[in-house]
Amino acid sequence: MDDSRARDVLAVGRCGVDLYPLQPGLHLEAVDTFGKFLGGSATNVAAACARYGRDVSVLTGVGDDPFGRYVVEELGRLGVDSSLVVTNPHFNTPVTFCEIFPPDDFPLYFYRWPTTPDLELGPEHLPADLEDYRILWLTVSGLSAQPSRAMHETALARHRDGVTVLDLDYRPRFWADEASATEAAARVLGSVD
């Protein structure tokens, strides 16, 4: 890898819209107003990297819907390169609702069925310059379904000169069972730093 032209970070995986109650301490059925925020582990990591001045791109999928447009606009506003975000006309951008019970109880409710645009990305969506990124950031949730799992495995095989991170973004609802998640993660652990 030629460090003079290398990019800093490519974050691959989950994106969406998080809807948080503006009235903490209430169950969702009692909440009157929500705030809309960028969500998803890959996009959260990308936004944090951009905040610290890193050259960061995100590879994810959104629906051809208002929330998908919001995700792309918000990534741009935060300084994240969104040129690798793929718009899928067949599936909606995922939405997550959260309850807020301070100090440490934050139940999440994911709306991602039957599938999501990010899980529909395959190896053909990987950028040609993948090896130019110093850090490749992948998520366990991206291993939960095909063709996303194949894309993650291909990225690991291609990104040999740099740091590779596997974010343990384990969400039980995304998997058939715990054993499936353990098996998928175990298959790739030898390829990450």
N, C-alpha and C. Protein backbone atom coordinates (compact mmCIF):
# COMPACT_ATOMS: atom_id res chain seq x y z
N MET A 1 0.85 -1.18 0.00
CA MET A 1 0.00 0.00 0.00
C MET A 1 0.89 1.23 0.00
N ASP A 2 0.61 2.16 -0.87
CA ASP A 2 1.33 3.42 -0.97
C ASP A 2 0.66 4.42 -0.01
N ASP A 3 1.30 4.68 1.16
CA ASP A 3 0.69 5.54 2.17
C ASP A 3 0.48 6.97 1.69
N SER A 4 1.19 7.41 0.63
CA SER A 4 1.00 8.77 0.16
C SER A 4 -0.37 8.95 -0.49
N ARG A 5 -0.99 7.89 -0.93
CA ARG A 5 -2.32 8.02 -1.54
C ARG A 5 -3.38 7.22 -0.80
N ALA A 6 -3.01 6.60 0.30
CA ALA A 6 -3.95 5.76 1.04
C ALA A 6 -5.04 6.59 1.71
N ARG A 7 -6.22 6.03 1.74
CA ARG A 7 -7.34 6.61 2.47
C ARG A 7 -7.27 6.07 3.90
N ASP A 8 -7.91 6.74 4.83
CA ASP A 8 -7.82 6.31 6.23
C ASP A 8 -8.71 5.12 6.56
N VAL A 9 -10.03 5.26 6.39
CA VAL A 9 -10.96 4.24 6.90
C VAL A 9 -12.07 3.97 5.90
N LEU A 10 -12.38 2.69 5.72
CA LEU A 10 -13.60 2.27 5.05
C LEU A 10 -14.42 1.48 6.06
N ALA A 11 -15.57 2.01 6.42
CA ALA A 11 -16.49 1.33 7.34
C ALA A 11 -17.58 0.66 6.50
N VAL A 12 -17.77 -0.63 6.73
CA VAL A 12 -18.70 -1.43 5.94
C VAL A 12 -19.77 -2.00 6.86
N GLY A 13 -21.03 -1.81 6.51
CA GLY A 13 -22.08 -2.45 7.30
C GLY A 13 -23.35 -1.66 7.45
N ARG A 14 -23.88 -1.75 8.63
CA ARG A 14 -25.24 -1.31 8.95
C ARG A 14 -25.37 0.21 9.01
N CYS A 15 -26.48 0.70 8.44
CA CYS A 15 -26.87 2.10 8.59
C CYS A 15 -28.36 2.13 8.85
N GLY A 16 -28.85 3.28 9.16
CA GLY A 16 -30.29 3.42 9.36
C GLY A 16 -30.60 4.73 10.04
N VAL A 17 -31.85 4.82 10.46
CA VAL A 17 -32.32 5.99 11.18
C VAL A 17 -32.72 5.53 12.57
N ASP A 18 -32.20 6.22 13.58
CA ASP A 18 -32.57 5.96 14.97
C ASP A 18 -33.57 7.02 15.41
N LEU A 19 -34.65 6.58 15.99
CA LEU A 19 -35.66 7.48 16.52
C LEU A 19 -35.66 7.36 18.04
N TYR A 20 -35.22 8.44 18.69
CA TYR A 20 -35.10 8.46 20.14
C TYR A 20 -36.21 9.33 20.73
N PRO A 21 -36.82 8.87 21.82
CA PRO A 21 -37.84 9.70 22.46
C PRO A 21 -37.22 10.96 23.03
N LEU A 22 -37.91 12.06 22.87
CA LEU A 22 -37.46 13.31 23.47
C LEU A 22 -37.97 13.44 24.91
N GLN A 23 -38.63 12.39 25.37
CA GLN A 23 -39.12 12.31 26.74
C GLN A 23 -38.55 11.05 27.38
N PRO A 24 -37.36 11.11 27.97
CA PRO A 24 -36.77 9.92 28.57
C PRO A 24 -37.61 9.42 29.75
N GLY A 25 -37.46 8.13 30.02
CA GLY A 25 -38.15 7.54 31.16
C GLY A 25 -39.55 7.04 30.85
N LEU A 26 -39.94 7.09 29.57
CA LEU A 26 -41.26 6.60 29.18
C LEU A 26 -41.12 5.43 28.22
N HIS A 27 -42.05 4.49 28.31
CA HIS A 27 -42.11 3.44 27.29
C HIS A 27 -42.61 4.05 25.99
N LEU A 28 -42.27 3.43 24.87
CA LEU A 28 -42.59 4.02 23.57
C LEU A 28 -44.07 4.34 23.41
N GLU A 29 -44.94 3.51 23.96
CA GLU A 29 -46.37 3.77 23.78
C GLU A 29 -46.83 5.06 24.44
N ALA A 30 -46.02 5.60 25.35
CA ALA A 30 -46.38 6.85 26.04
C ALA A 30 -45.64 8.07 25.49
N VAL A 31 -44.73 7.86 24.56
CA VAL A 31 -43.91 8.96 24.03
C VAL A 31 -44.71 9.74 22.99
N ASP A 32 -44.60 11.07 23.05
CA ASP A 32 -45.28 11.94 22.09
C ASP A 32 -44.37 12.44 20.98
N THR A 33 -43.08 12.64 21.27
CA THR A 33 -42.18 13.21 20.27
C THR A 33 -40.86 12.45 20.24
N PHE A 34 -40.31 12.37 19.04
CA PHE A 34 -39.05 11.66 18.81
C PHE A 34 -38.07 12.58 18.09
N GLY A 35 -36.78 12.33 18.30
CA GLY A 35 -35.73 12.96 17.52
C GLY A 35 -35.19 11.95 16.53
N LYS A 36 -34.82 12.42 15.35
CA LYS A 36 -34.31 11.56 14.27
C LYS A 36 -32.79 11.72 14.20
N PHE A 37 -32.07 10.57 14.20
CA PHE A 37 -30.61 10.60 14.20
C PHE A 37 -30.07 9.53 13.25
N LEU A 38 -28.87 9.77 12.74
CA LEU A 38 -28.16 8.77 11.96
C LEU A 38 -27.85 7.59 12.85
N GLY A 39 -28.08 6.38 12.37
CA GLY A 39 -27.81 5.20 13.17
C GLY A 39 -27.10 4.12 12.38
N GLY A 40 -26.75 3.06 13.08
CA GLY A 40 -26.04 1.93 12.49
C GLY A 40 -24.58 1.97 12.87
N SER A 41 -24.04 0.81 13.19
CA SER A 41 -22.67 0.77 13.70
C SER A 41 -21.65 1.30 12.69
N ALA A 42 -21.76 0.92 11.43
CA ALA A 42 -20.77 1.37 10.44
C ALA A 42 -20.83 2.89 10.25
N THR A 43 -22.04 3.43 10.18
CA THR A 43 -22.15 4.87 9.98
C THR A 43 -21.76 5.64 11.23
N ASN A 44 -22.03 5.09 12.40
CA ASN A 44 -21.59 5.75 13.64
C ASN A 44 -20.06 5.81 13.71
N VAL A 45 -19.40 4.71 13.34
CA VAL A 45 -17.94 4.68 13.33
C VAL A 45 -17.40 5.68 12.31
N ALA A 46 -18.01 5.70 11.12
CA ALA A 46 -17.56 6.63 10.08
C ALA A 46 -17.71 8.08 10.53
N ALA A 47 -18.84 8.40 11.16
CA ALA A 47 -19.06 9.77 11.64
C ALA A 47 -18.03 10.15 12.69
N ALA A 48 -17.71 9.23 13.59
CA ALA A 48 -16.70 9.51 14.62
C ALA A 48 -15.33 9.73 14.00
N CYS A 49 -14.97 8.92 13.00
CA CYS A 49 -13.68 9.09 12.33
C CYS A 49 -13.60 10.45 11.64
N ALA A 50 -14.68 10.84 10.96
CA ALA A 50 -14.71 12.14 10.28
C ALA A 50 -14.58 13.27 11.29
N ARG A 51 -15.21 13.13 12.43
CA ARG A 51 -15.14 14.16 13.47
C ARG A 51 -13.69 14.39 13.90
N TYR A 52 -12.88 13.34 13.85
CA TYR A 52 -11.47 13.45 14.22
C TYR A 52 -10.57 13.73 13.02
N GLY A 53 -11.17 14.15 11.91
CA GLY A 53 -10.39 14.60 10.76
C GLY A 53 -9.89 13.50 9.85
N ARG A 54 -10.40 12.31 9.97
CA ARG A 54 -9.96 11.21 9.12
C ARG A 54 -10.69 11.24 7.78
N ASP A 55 -10.02 10.73 6.75
CA ASP A 55 -10.61 10.56 5.43
C ASP A 55 -11.35 9.23 5.46
N VAL A 56 -12.67 9.27 5.56
CA VAL A 56 -13.45 8.06 5.80
C VAL A 56 -14.59 7.93 4.79
N SER A 57 -14.77 6.70 4.34
CA SER A 57 -15.89 6.35 3.46
C SER A 57 -16.73 5.29 4.16
N VAL A 58 -17.99 5.21 3.77
CA VAL A 58 -18.85 4.15 4.29
C VAL A 58 -19.46 3.40 3.11
N LEU A 59 -19.45 2.07 3.22
CA LEU A 59 -20.09 1.20 2.24
C LEU A 59 -21.29 0.57 2.93
N THR A 60 -22.46 0.96 2.50
CA THR A 60 -23.70 0.48 3.09
C THR A 60 -24.81 0.60 2.05
N GLY A 61 -26.00 0.21 2.44
CA GLY A 61 -27.14 0.33 1.56
C GLY A 61 -28.29 1.06 2.23
N VAL A 62 -29.02 1.81 1.43
CA VAL A 62 -30.22 2.51 1.90
C VAL A 62 -31.36 2.21 0.94
N GLY A 63 -32.58 2.44 1.41
CA GLY A 63 -33.73 2.32 0.53
C GLY A 63 -33.92 3.59 -0.28
N ASP A 64 -34.71 3.48 -1.33
CA ASP A 64 -35.06 4.64 -2.15
C ASP A 64 -36.26 5.31 -1.49
N ASP A 65 -36.01 5.93 -0.34
CA ASP A 65 -37.07 6.48 0.48
C ASP A 65 -36.55 7.70 1.24
N PRO A 66 -37.42 8.44 1.92
CA PRO A 66 -36.97 9.64 2.63
C PRO A 66 -35.88 9.37 3.67
N PHE A 67 -35.97 8.24 4.37
CA PHE A 67 -34.94 7.94 5.37
C PHE A 67 -33.60 7.63 4.70
N GLY A 68 -33.61 6.99 3.54
CA GLY A 68 -32.37 6.75 2.82
C GLY A 68 -31.72 8.04 2.39
N ARG A 69 -32.53 8.97 1.90
CA ARG A 69 -31.99 10.28 1.50
C ARG A 69 -31.44 11.02 2.72
N TYR A 70 -32.12 10.89 3.85
CA TYR A 70 -31.63 11.52 5.08
C TYR A 70 -30.26 10.95 5.47
N VAL A 71 -30.10 9.62 5.40
CA VAL A 71 -28.82 9.00 5.76
C VAL A 71 -27.70 9.57 4.89
N VAL A 72 -27.91 9.62 3.58
CA VAL A 72 -26.87 10.12 2.67
C VAL A 72 -26.57 11.59 2.96
N GLU A 73 -27.60 12.40 3.15
CA GLU A 73 -27.39 13.82 3.44
C GLU A 73 -26.65 14.02 4.77
N GLU A 74 -27.03 13.25 5.77
CA GLU A 74 -26.40 13.40 7.09
C GLU A 74 -24.94 12.95 7.05
N LEU A 75 -24.64 11.88 6.32
CA LEU A 75 -23.25 11.47 6.17
C LEU A 75 -22.43 12.60 5.56
N GLY A 76 -22.94 13.22 4.50
CA GLY A 76 -22.25 14.34 3.88
C GLY A 76 -22.05 15.50 4.84
N ARG A 77 -23.10 15.83 5.60
CA ARG A 77 -23.00 16.92 6.56
C ARG A 77 -21.92 16.65 7.61
N LEU A 78 -21.75 15.38 7.95
CA LEU A 78 -20.77 15.00 8.97
C LEU A 78 -19.36 14.80 8.40
N GLY A 79 -19.20 14.95 7.09
CA GLY A 79 -17.87 14.83 6.48
C GLY A 79 -17.48 13.43 6.07
N VAL A 80 -18.46 12.54 5.93
CA VAL A 80 -18.20 11.16 5.51
C VAL A 80 -18.45 11.04 4.01
N ASP A 81 -17.53 10.39 3.30
CA ASP A 81 -17.71 10.13 1.87
C ASP A 81 -18.81 9.08 1.71
N SER A 82 -19.90 9.47 1.06
CA SER A 82 -21.04 8.56 0.88
C SER A 82 -21.13 8.03 -0.55
N SER A 83 -20.07 8.16 -1.33
CA SER A 83 -20.12 7.74 -2.73
C SER A 83 -20.29 6.23 -2.89
N LEU A 84 -20.02 5.46 -1.83
CA LEU A 84 -20.18 4.00 -1.89
C LEU A 84 -21.52 3.53 -1.32
N VAL A 85 -22.39 4.46 -0.93
CA VAL A 85 -23.72 4.09 -0.43
C VAL A 85 -24.58 3.68 -1.63
N VAL A 86 -25.15 2.49 -1.55
CA VAL A 86 -25.95 1.94 -2.64
C VAL A 86 -27.43 2.10 -2.30
N THR A 87 -28.20 2.66 -3.22
CA THR A 87 -29.64 2.80 -3.04
C THR A 87 -30.34 1.59 -3.65
N ASN A 88 -31.15 0.92 -2.82
CA ASN A 88 -31.87 -0.28 -3.24
C ASN A 88 -33.37 0.06 -3.29
N PRO A 89 -33.99 -0.02 -4.47
CA PRO A 89 -35.40 0.35 -4.58
C PRO A 89 -36.37 -0.69 -4.02
N HIS A 90 -35.87 -1.85 -3.62
CA HIS A 90 -36.75 -2.95 -3.20
C HIS A 90 -36.95 -3.08 -1.70
N PHE A 91 -36.08 -2.45 -0.91
CA PHE A 91 -36.16 -2.59 0.55
C PHE A 91 -36.03 -1.22 1.20
N ASN A 92 -36.69 -1.06 2.33
CA ASN A 92 -36.66 0.21 3.04
C ASN A 92 -35.39 0.39 3.86
N THR A 93 -35.04 1.64 4.06
CA THR A 93 -33.97 1.98 5.00
C THR A 93 -34.42 1.55 6.39
N PRO A 94 -33.56 0.85 7.14
CA PRO A 94 -33.96 0.38 8.47
C PRO A 94 -34.19 1.53 9.45
N VAL A 95 -35.12 1.29 10.35
CA VAL A 95 -35.45 2.24 11.41
C VAL A 95 -35.34 1.52 12.74
N THR A 96 -34.77 2.20 13.73
CA THR A 96 -34.64 1.65 15.08
C THR A 96 -35.23 2.64 16.07
N PHE A 97 -36.08 2.13 16.92
CA PHE A 97 -36.62 2.93 18.03
C PHE A 97 -35.89 2.53 19.30
N CYS A 98 -35.67 3.49 20.17
CA CYS A 98 -34.98 3.24 21.43
C CYS A 98 -35.81 3.83 22.57
N GLU A 99 -35.85 3.11 23.67
CA GLU A 99 -36.41 3.67 24.90
C GLU A 99 -35.23 4.13 25.75
N ILE A 100 -35.43 5.17 26.52
CA ILE A 100 -34.34 5.73 27.32
C ILE A 100 -34.73 5.73 28.79
N PHE A 101 -34.06 4.84 29.53
CA PHE A 101 -34.26 4.75 30.97
C PHE A 101 -32.89 4.88 31.64
N PRO A 102 -32.44 6.13 31.90
CA PRO A 102 -31.12 6.33 32.50
C PRO A 102 -31.03 5.63 33.85
N PRO A 103 -29.83 5.19 34.24
CA PRO A 103 -28.57 5.50 33.58
C PRO A 103 -28.13 4.47 32.54
N ASP A 104 -28.73 3.27 32.51
CA ASP A 104 -28.11 2.24 31.66
C ASP A 104 -29.11 1.27 31.02
N ASP A 105 -30.34 1.67 30.85
CA ASP A 105 -31.33 0.79 30.24
C ASP A 105 -31.88 1.46 28.98
N PHE A 106 -31.51 0.90 27.82
CA PHE A 106 -31.87 1.51 26.53
C PHE A 106 -32.37 0.42 25.57
N PRO A 107 -33.57 -0.12 25.80
CA PRO A 107 -34.09 -1.15 24.91
C PRO A 107 -34.21 -0.64 23.47
N LEU A 108 -33.83 -1.52 22.52
CA LEU A 108 -33.86 -1.18 21.10
C LEU A 108 -34.91 -2.03 20.39
N TYR A 109 -35.58 -1.43 19.42
CA TYR A 109 -36.58 -2.12 18.61
C TYR A 109 -36.23 -1.88 17.15
N PHE A 110 -35.73 -2.93 16.49
CA PHE A 110 -35.25 -2.84 15.11
C PHE A 110 -36.37 -3.17 14.13
N TYR A 111 -36.50 -2.35 13.08
CA TYR A 111 -37.43 -2.61 11.99
C TYR A 111 -36.59 -2.80 10.73
N ARG A 112 -36.34 -4.09 10.41
CA ARG A 112 -35.41 -4.46 9.35
C ARG A 112 -35.92 -5.62 8.50
N TRP A 113 -37.20 -5.86 8.46
CA TRP A 113 -37.70 -7.06 7.79
C TRP A 113 -38.45 -6.71 6.52
N PRO A 114 -38.40 -7.55 5.48
CA PRO A 114 -37.83 -8.89 5.46
C PRO A 114 -36.31 -8.90 5.41
N THR A 115 -35.72 -7.84 4.89
CA THR A 115 -34.27 -7.67 4.92
C THR A 115 -33.99 -6.18 4.75
N THR A 116 -32.71 -5.84 4.68
CA THR A 116 -32.33 -4.44 4.56
C THR A 116 -31.38 -4.25 3.39
N PRO A 117 -31.30 -3.03 2.87
CA PRO A 117 -30.41 -2.77 1.75
C PRO A 117 -28.95 -3.13 2.04
N ASP A 118 -28.46 -2.90 3.26
CA ASP A 118 -27.05 -3.22 3.55
C ASP A 118 -26.79 -4.71 3.47
N LEU A 119 -27.75 -5.55 3.84
CA LEU A 119 -27.55 -7.01 3.77
C LEU A 119 -27.66 -7.54 2.34
N GLU A 120 -28.11 -6.71 1.41
CA GLU A 120 -28.22 -7.10 0.01
C GLU A 120 -26.95 -6.77 -0.79
N LEU A 121 -25.96 -6.15 -0.15
CA LEU A 121 -24.71 -5.83 -0.85
C LEU A 121 -23.86 -7.08 -0.96
N GLY A 122 -23.28 -7.28 -2.15
CA GLY A 122 -22.42 -8.43 -2.39
C GLY A 122 -21.01 -8.00 -2.74
N PRO A 123 -20.14 -8.97 -3.03
CA PRO A 123 -18.74 -8.66 -3.35
C PRO A 123 -18.58 -7.65 -4.48
N GLU A 124 -19.52 -7.62 -5.41
CA GLU A 124 -19.43 -6.68 -6.54
C GLU A 124 -19.53 -5.22 -6.11
N HIS A 125 -19.97 -4.97 -4.89
CA HIS A 125 -20.09 -3.59 -4.40
C HIS A 125 -18.81 -3.08 -3.73
N LEU A 126 -17.84 -3.95 -3.54
CA LEU A 126 -16.58 -3.52 -2.92
C LEU A 126 -15.85 -2.57 -3.86
N PRO A 127 -15.23 -1.52 -3.33
CA PRO A 127 -14.52 -0.58 -4.20
C PRO A 127 -13.25 -1.21 -4.78
N ALA A 128 -12.91 -0.80 -5.98
CA ALA A 128 -11.69 -1.31 -6.62
C ALA A 128 -10.45 -0.94 -5.82
N ASP A 129 -10.50 0.20 -5.12
CA ASP A 129 -9.33 0.67 -4.36
C ASP A 129 -9.36 0.22 -2.89
N LEU A 130 -10.01 -0.91 -2.61
CA LEU A 130 -10.14 -1.40 -1.23
C LEU A 130 -8.80 -1.45 -0.50
N GLU A 131 -7.76 -1.88 -1.19
CA GLU A 131 -6.45 -2.02 -0.53
C GLU A 131 -5.80 -0.67 -0.24
N ASP A 132 -6.35 0.41 -0.76
CA ASP A 132 -5.80 1.74 -0.48
C ASP A 132 -6.25 2.29 0.87
N TYR A 133 -7.17 1.63 1.53
CA TYR A 133 -7.63 2.08 2.85
C TYR A 133 -6.72 1.51 3.93
N ARG A 134 -6.26 2.37 4.81
CA ARG A 134 -5.41 1.93 5.92
C ARG A 134 -6.16 1.01 6.88
N ILE A 135 -7.45 1.34 7.12
CA ILE A 135 -8.27 0.57 8.06
C ILE A 135 -9.55 0.13 7.36
N LEU A 136 -9.84 -1.16 7.44
CA LEU A 136 -11.11 -1.71 6.99
C LEU A 136 -11.89 -2.10 8.23
N TRP A 137 -13.06 -1.50 8.41
CA TRP A 137 -13.90 -1.72 9.59
C TRP A 137 -15.16 -2.48 9.15
N LEU A 138 -15.30 -3.71 9.62
CA LEU A 138 -16.45 -4.55 9.29
C LEU A 138 -17.25 -4.84 10.55
N THR A 139 -18.48 -5.30 10.39
CA THR A 139 -19.32 -5.59 11.54
C THR A 139 -19.82 -7.03 11.52
N VAL A 140 -19.99 -7.61 12.71
CA VAL A 140 -20.54 -8.96 12.82
C VAL A 140 -21.95 -9.02 12.24
N SER A 141 -22.73 -7.95 12.39
CA SER A 141 -24.09 -7.99 11.85
C SER A 141 -24.09 -8.16 10.33
N GLY A 142 -23.03 -7.72 9.67
CA GLY A 142 -22.91 -7.91 8.23
C GLY A 142 -22.70 -9.35 7.81
N LEU A 143 -22.37 -10.20 8.77
CA LEU A 143 -22.20 -11.63 8.50
C LEU A 143 -23.51 -12.40 8.66
N SER A 144 -24.58 -11.73 9.06
CA SER A 144 -25.82 -12.42 9.42
C SER A 144 -26.63 -12.93 8.24
N ALA A 145 -26.32 -12.49 7.02
CA ALA A 145 -27.10 -12.94 5.86
C ALA A 145 -26.27 -12.81 4.59
N GLN A 146 -26.63 -13.59 3.59
CA GLN A 146 -26.04 -13.47 2.26
C GLN A 146 -26.89 -12.47 1.47
N PRO A 147 -26.30 -11.74 0.55
CA PRO A 147 -24.93 -11.80 0.07
C PRO A 147 -23.93 -10.96 0.87
N SER A 148 -24.40 -10.28 1.91
CA SER A 148 -23.50 -9.45 2.72
C SER A 148 -22.35 -10.26 3.31
N ARG A 149 -22.63 -11.48 3.77
CA ARG A 149 -21.57 -12.31 4.34
C ARG A 149 -20.46 -12.55 3.31
N ALA A 150 -20.84 -12.85 2.07
CA ALA A 150 -19.84 -13.07 1.02
C ALA A 150 -19.04 -11.80 0.75
N MET A 151 -19.70 -10.64 0.80
CA MET A 151 -18.98 -9.38 0.61
C MET A 151 -17.95 -9.18 1.72
N HIS A 152 -18.34 -9.43 2.96
CA HIS A 152 -17.42 -9.28 4.09
C HIS A 152 -16.24 -10.24 3.95
N GLU A 153 -16.50 -11.48 3.60
CA GLU A 153 -15.42 -12.47 3.45
C GLU A 153 -14.49 -12.09 2.30
N THR A 154 -15.04 -11.58 1.20
CA THR A 154 -14.21 -11.14 0.07
C THR A 154 -13.37 -9.93 0.47
N ALA A 155 -13.95 -9.00 1.20
CA ALA A 155 -13.20 -7.83 1.67
C ALA A 155 -12.03 -8.26 2.54
N LEU A 156 -12.25 -9.21 3.42
CA LEU A 156 -11.17 -9.70 4.28
C LEU A 156 -10.06 -10.35 3.46
N ALA A 157 -10.42 -11.07 2.42
CA ALA A 157 -9.41 -11.72 1.57
C ALA A 157 -8.62 -10.69 0.77
N ARG A 158 -9.25 -9.60 0.36
CA ARG A 158 -8.58 -8.60 -0.46
C ARG A 158 -7.79 -7.58 0.33
N HIS A 159 -8.18 -7.28 1.55
CA HIS A 159 -7.54 -6.22 2.35
C HIS A 159 -6.42 -6.83 3.18
N ARG A 160 -5.28 -7.02 2.55
CA ARG A 160 -4.16 -7.70 3.22
C ARG A 160 -3.13 -6.74 3.79
N ASP A 161 -3.11 -5.52 3.29
CA ASP A 161 -2.07 -4.57 3.68
C ASP A 161 -2.72 -3.41 4.42
N GLY A 162 -2.95 -3.60 5.68
CA GLY A 162 -3.60 -2.59 6.50
C GLY A 162 -4.21 -3.24 7.72
N VAL A 163 -4.91 -2.46 8.50
CA VAL A 163 -5.55 -2.96 9.71
C VAL A 163 -7.00 -3.33 9.38
N THR A 164 -7.42 -4.48 9.86
CA THR A 164 -8.79 -4.92 9.67
C THR A 164 -9.44 -5.12 11.03
N VAL A 165 -10.59 -4.47 11.22
CA VAL A 165 -11.32 -4.51 12.49
C VAL A 165 -12.66 -5.19 12.27
N LEU A 166 -13.03 -6.10 13.17
CA LEU A 166 -14.36 -6.69 13.17
C LEU A 166 -15.08 -6.20 14.41
N ASP A 167 -16.03 -5.30 14.21
CA ASP A 167 -16.84 -4.74 15.29
C ASP A 167 -17.83 -5.81 15.74
N LEU A 168 -17.81 -6.14 17.01
CA LEU A 168 -18.70 -7.18 17.53
C LEU A 168 -20.11 -6.61 17.74
N ASP A 169 -20.68 -6.16 16.65
CA ASP A 169 -22.01 -5.56 16.61
C ASP A 169 -23.04 -6.69 16.59
N TYR A 170 -23.09 -7.45 17.67
CA TYR A 170 -23.99 -8.60 17.74
C TYR A 170 -25.37 -8.16 18.20
N ARG A 171 -26.36 -8.43 17.38
CA ARG A 171 -27.76 -8.15 17.70
C ARG A 171 -28.52 -9.47 17.54
N PRO A 172 -28.96 -10.08 18.62
CA PRO A 172 -29.61 -11.40 18.53
C PRO A 172 -30.74 -11.47 17.50
N ARG A 173 -31.50 -10.40 17.33
CA ARG A 173 -32.63 -10.42 16.38
C ARG A 173 -32.19 -10.60 14.94
N PHE A 174 -30.92 -10.34 14.64
CA PHE A 174 -30.46 -10.44 13.26
C PHE A 174 -30.08 -11.87 12.87
N TRP A 175 -30.09 -12.79 13.81
CA TRP A 175 -29.58 -14.15 13.60
C TRP A 175 -30.67 -15.18 13.87
N ALA A 176 -30.55 -16.33 13.19
CA ALA A 176 -31.47 -17.44 13.45
C ALA A 176 -31.31 -17.94 14.87
N ASP A 177 -30.06 -18.00 15.33
CA ASP A 177 -29.76 -18.42 16.69
C ASP A 177 -28.33 -18.01 17.03
N GLU A 178 -27.98 -18.12 18.30
CA GLU A 178 -26.66 -17.70 18.76
C GLU A 178 -25.54 -18.53 18.12
N ALA A 179 -25.80 -19.82 17.91
CA ALA A 179 -24.78 -20.70 17.31
C ALA A 179 -24.41 -20.24 15.90
N SER A 180 -25.39 -19.77 15.13
CA SER A 180 -25.11 -19.27 13.77
C SER A 180 -24.19 -18.06 13.81
N ALA A 181 -24.43 -17.16 14.75
CA ALA A 181 -23.58 -15.98 14.88
C ALA A 181 -22.17 -16.36 15.29
N THR A 182 -22.07 -17.27 16.24
CA THR A 182 -20.75 -17.72 16.71
C THR A 182 -19.97 -18.36 15.58
N GLU A 183 -20.64 -19.20 14.80
CA GLU A 183 -19.98 -19.89 13.69
C GLU A 183 -19.51 -18.90 12.61
N ALA A 184 -20.35 -17.95 12.25
CA ALA A 184 -19.99 -16.97 11.22
C ALA A 184 -18.82 -16.11 11.67
N ALA A 185 -18.83 -15.67 12.92
CA ALA A 185 -17.73 -14.85 13.44
C ALA A 185 -16.45 -15.66 13.53
N ALA A 186 -16.55 -16.90 13.98
CA ALA A 186 -15.36 -17.75 14.12
C ALA A 186 -14.67 -17.96 12.78
N ARG A 187 -15.44 -18.05 11.69
CA ARG A 187 -14.86 -18.28 10.36
C ARG A 187 -13.96 -17.13 9.92
N VAL A 188 -14.21 -15.92 10.39
CA VAL A 188 -13.44 -14.78 9.91
C VAL A 188 -12.44 -14.22 10.92
N LEU A 189 -12.50 -14.67 12.16
CA LEU A 189 -11.63 -14.09 13.19
C LEU A 189 -10.15 -14.18 12.86
N GLY A 190 -9.73 -15.21 12.16
CA GLY A 190 -8.33 -15.34 11.79
C GLY A 190 -7.87 -14.32 10.76
N SER A 191 -8.81 -13.60 10.16
CA SER A 191 -8.49 -12.62 9.13
C SER A 191 -8.53 -11.18 9.62
N VAL A 192 -8.80 -10.98 10.92
CA VAL A 192 -8.89 -9.62 11.44
C VAL A 192 -7.76 -9.38 12.45
N ASP A 193 -7.47 -8.10 12.68
CA ASP A 193 -6.40 -7.74 13.60
C ASP A 193 -6.90 -7.61 15.02
